[in-house]
Protein backbone atom coordinates (compact mmCIF):
# COMPACT_ATOMS: atom_id res chain seq x y z
CA MET A 1 13.97 2.29 83.90
CA ILE A 2 11.03 4.66 83.91
CA ASP A 3 12.71 7.62 85.62
CA CYS A 4 16.16 7.26 84.03
CA LEU A 5 17.17 10.34 82.03
CA PHE A 6 19.43 8.37 79.70
CA CYS A 7 16.83 5.64 79.11
CA LYS A 8 14.48 8.45 78.05
CA ILE A 9 17.12 9.68 75.59
CA VAL A 10 17.47 6.16 74.18
CA ALA A 11 13.67 5.98 73.82
CA ARG A 12 13.70 9.44 72.15
CA ASP A 13 11.39 10.80 74.86
CA ILE A 14 13.97 13.50 75.66
CA PRO A 15 15.94 15.21 72.86
CA ALA A 16 19.71 14.96 72.68
CA GLN A 17 22.32 15.85 70.09
CA ILE A 18 23.12 12.29 69.02
CA VAL A 19 26.44 11.95 67.23
CA TYR A 20 26.63 8.15 66.87
CA GLU A 21 24.38 5.15 67.29
CA SER A 22 24.87 1.42 66.93
CA GLU A 23 22.59 -1.47 67.73
CA ARG A 24 23.65 -1.48 71.40
CA THR A 25 25.19 1.94 72.10
CA ILE A 26 24.38 5.59 71.61
CA ALA A 27 26.55 8.69 71.92
CA PHE A 28 25.41 12.25 72.44
CA ARG A 29 26.89 15.63 73.34
CA ASP A 30 27.05 16.52 77.02
CA ILE A 31 24.79 19.48 77.86
CA ASN A 32 27.46 20.84 80.23
CA PRO A 33 30.71 20.22 78.31
CA GLN A 34 33.97 20.18 80.25
CA ALA A 35 36.14 20.22 77.11
CA PRO A 36 35.70 21.43 73.53
CA MET A 37 34.66 17.86 72.67
CA HIS A 38 32.58 16.18 75.38
CA VAL A 39 30.38 13.28 74.33
CA LEU A 40 28.64 10.71 76.51
CA VAL A 41 28.62 7.08 75.40
CA ILE A 42 26.03 4.77 76.92
CA PRO A 43 24.71 1.29 76.37
CA LYS A 44 21.07 1.31 75.34
CA VAL A 45 20.31 -1.29 78.01
CA HIS A 46 20.21 0.13 81.54
CA TYR A 47 23.07 -0.65 83.91
CA ALA A 48 23.42 1.66 86.90
CA ASN A 49 27.21 2.01 86.75
CA ALA A 50 30.46 0.67 85.30
CA ALA A 51 30.63 -2.14 87.86
CA GLU A 52 27.23 -3.49 86.78
CA LEU A 53 28.21 -3.21 83.13
CA ALA A 54 31.47 -5.09 83.77
CA GLU A 55 29.60 -7.87 85.57
CA ALA A 56 27.20 -8.31 82.64
CA ASP A 57 30.12 -9.91 80.75
CA ASP A 58 28.38 -10.02 77.39
CA GLY A 59 30.85 -7.90 75.43
CA LEU A 60 28.85 -4.73 75.94
CA ALA A 61 31.59 -3.01 77.95
CA ASP A 62 33.95 -3.64 75.03
CA GLU A 63 31.42 -2.14 72.66
CA VAL A 64 31.06 0.98 74.83
CA PHE A 65 34.85 1.48 74.69
CA THR A 66 34.91 0.80 70.95
CA THR A 67 32.19 3.42 70.51
CA ALA A 68 34.21 5.89 72.62
CA HIS A 69 37.19 5.44 70.29
CA LYS A 70 34.98 5.84 67.21
CA ILE A 71 33.72 9.13 68.65
CA ALA A 72 37.29 10.35 69.25
CA VAL A 73 38.18 9.55 65.63
CA GLN A 74 34.94 11.05 64.29
CA GLU A 75 35.44 14.23 66.32
CA GLY A 76 39.09 14.59 65.28
CA VAL A 77 40.72 14.22 68.71
CA ALA A 78 42.04 10.66 68.54
CA GLU A 79 45.49 11.57 67.27
CA ALA A 80 46.11 14.40 69.76
CA GLY A 81 44.68 12.39 72.65
CA TYR A 82 41.44 12.03 74.52
CA ARG A 83 40.15 10.82 77.86
CA VAL A 84 37.35 8.38 78.70
CA VAL A 85 35.96 8.70 82.23
CA PHE A 86 33.41 6.51 84.02
CA ASN A 87 32.24 7.85 87.38
CA THR A 88 30.90 4.99 89.50
CA GLY A 89 28.87 5.95 92.55
CA PRO A 90 28.04 9.28 94.16
CA GLY A 91 31.45 9.57 95.82
CA ALA A 92 33.05 9.59 92.37
CA GLY A 93 30.68 12.24 91.06
CA GLN A 94 28.14 10.03 89.30
CA THR A 95 24.85 11.96 89.10
CA VAL A 96 22.96 9.98 86.45
CA PHE A 97 22.75 6.32 87.42
CA HIS A 98 22.87 4.84 83.92
CA VAL A 99 26.45 3.90 83.09
CA HIS A 100 28.07 6.44 80.79
CA GLY A 101 31.53 7.16 79.57
CA HIS A 102 32.57 10.77 79.17
CA VAL A 103 34.74 11.14 76.06
CA LEU A 104 36.72 14.37 76.41
CA GLY A 105 39.19 16.01 74.06
CA GLY A 106 40.14 19.09 72.14
CA ARG A 107 42.30 20.63 74.86
CA ALA A 108 45.14 19.61 77.18
CA LEU A 109 43.71 17.43 79.94
CA THR A 110 45.63 17.78 83.19
CA TRP A 111 46.30 15.16 85.85
CA PRO A 112 44.99 14.59 88.43
CA PRO A 113 41.57 15.40 87.00
CA GLY A 114 39.99 16.68 90.19
């Protein structure tokens, strides 16, 4: 999508601190981190939200979660614990409408989250 912030990051039109990339996913540091480790994982192909990604049913949702776990291991938070959050829709707090998983760790994460 032409006006999608995350599509522009994938295309390298907007800089980001990329920490991992595969053929179909990319992960980069959140510019407004909510934990000591806060990385966004996205598919390179545009889907507006988690529901659209789930309906694609081509294994890409699995790959996004696999990438999230790789990030947790790479960043050293997998053993202590980490959280993966997908906000779907404005009522859930989604502000960028390109599906993205927030991988958070490095501190105690309370419940409920907010």
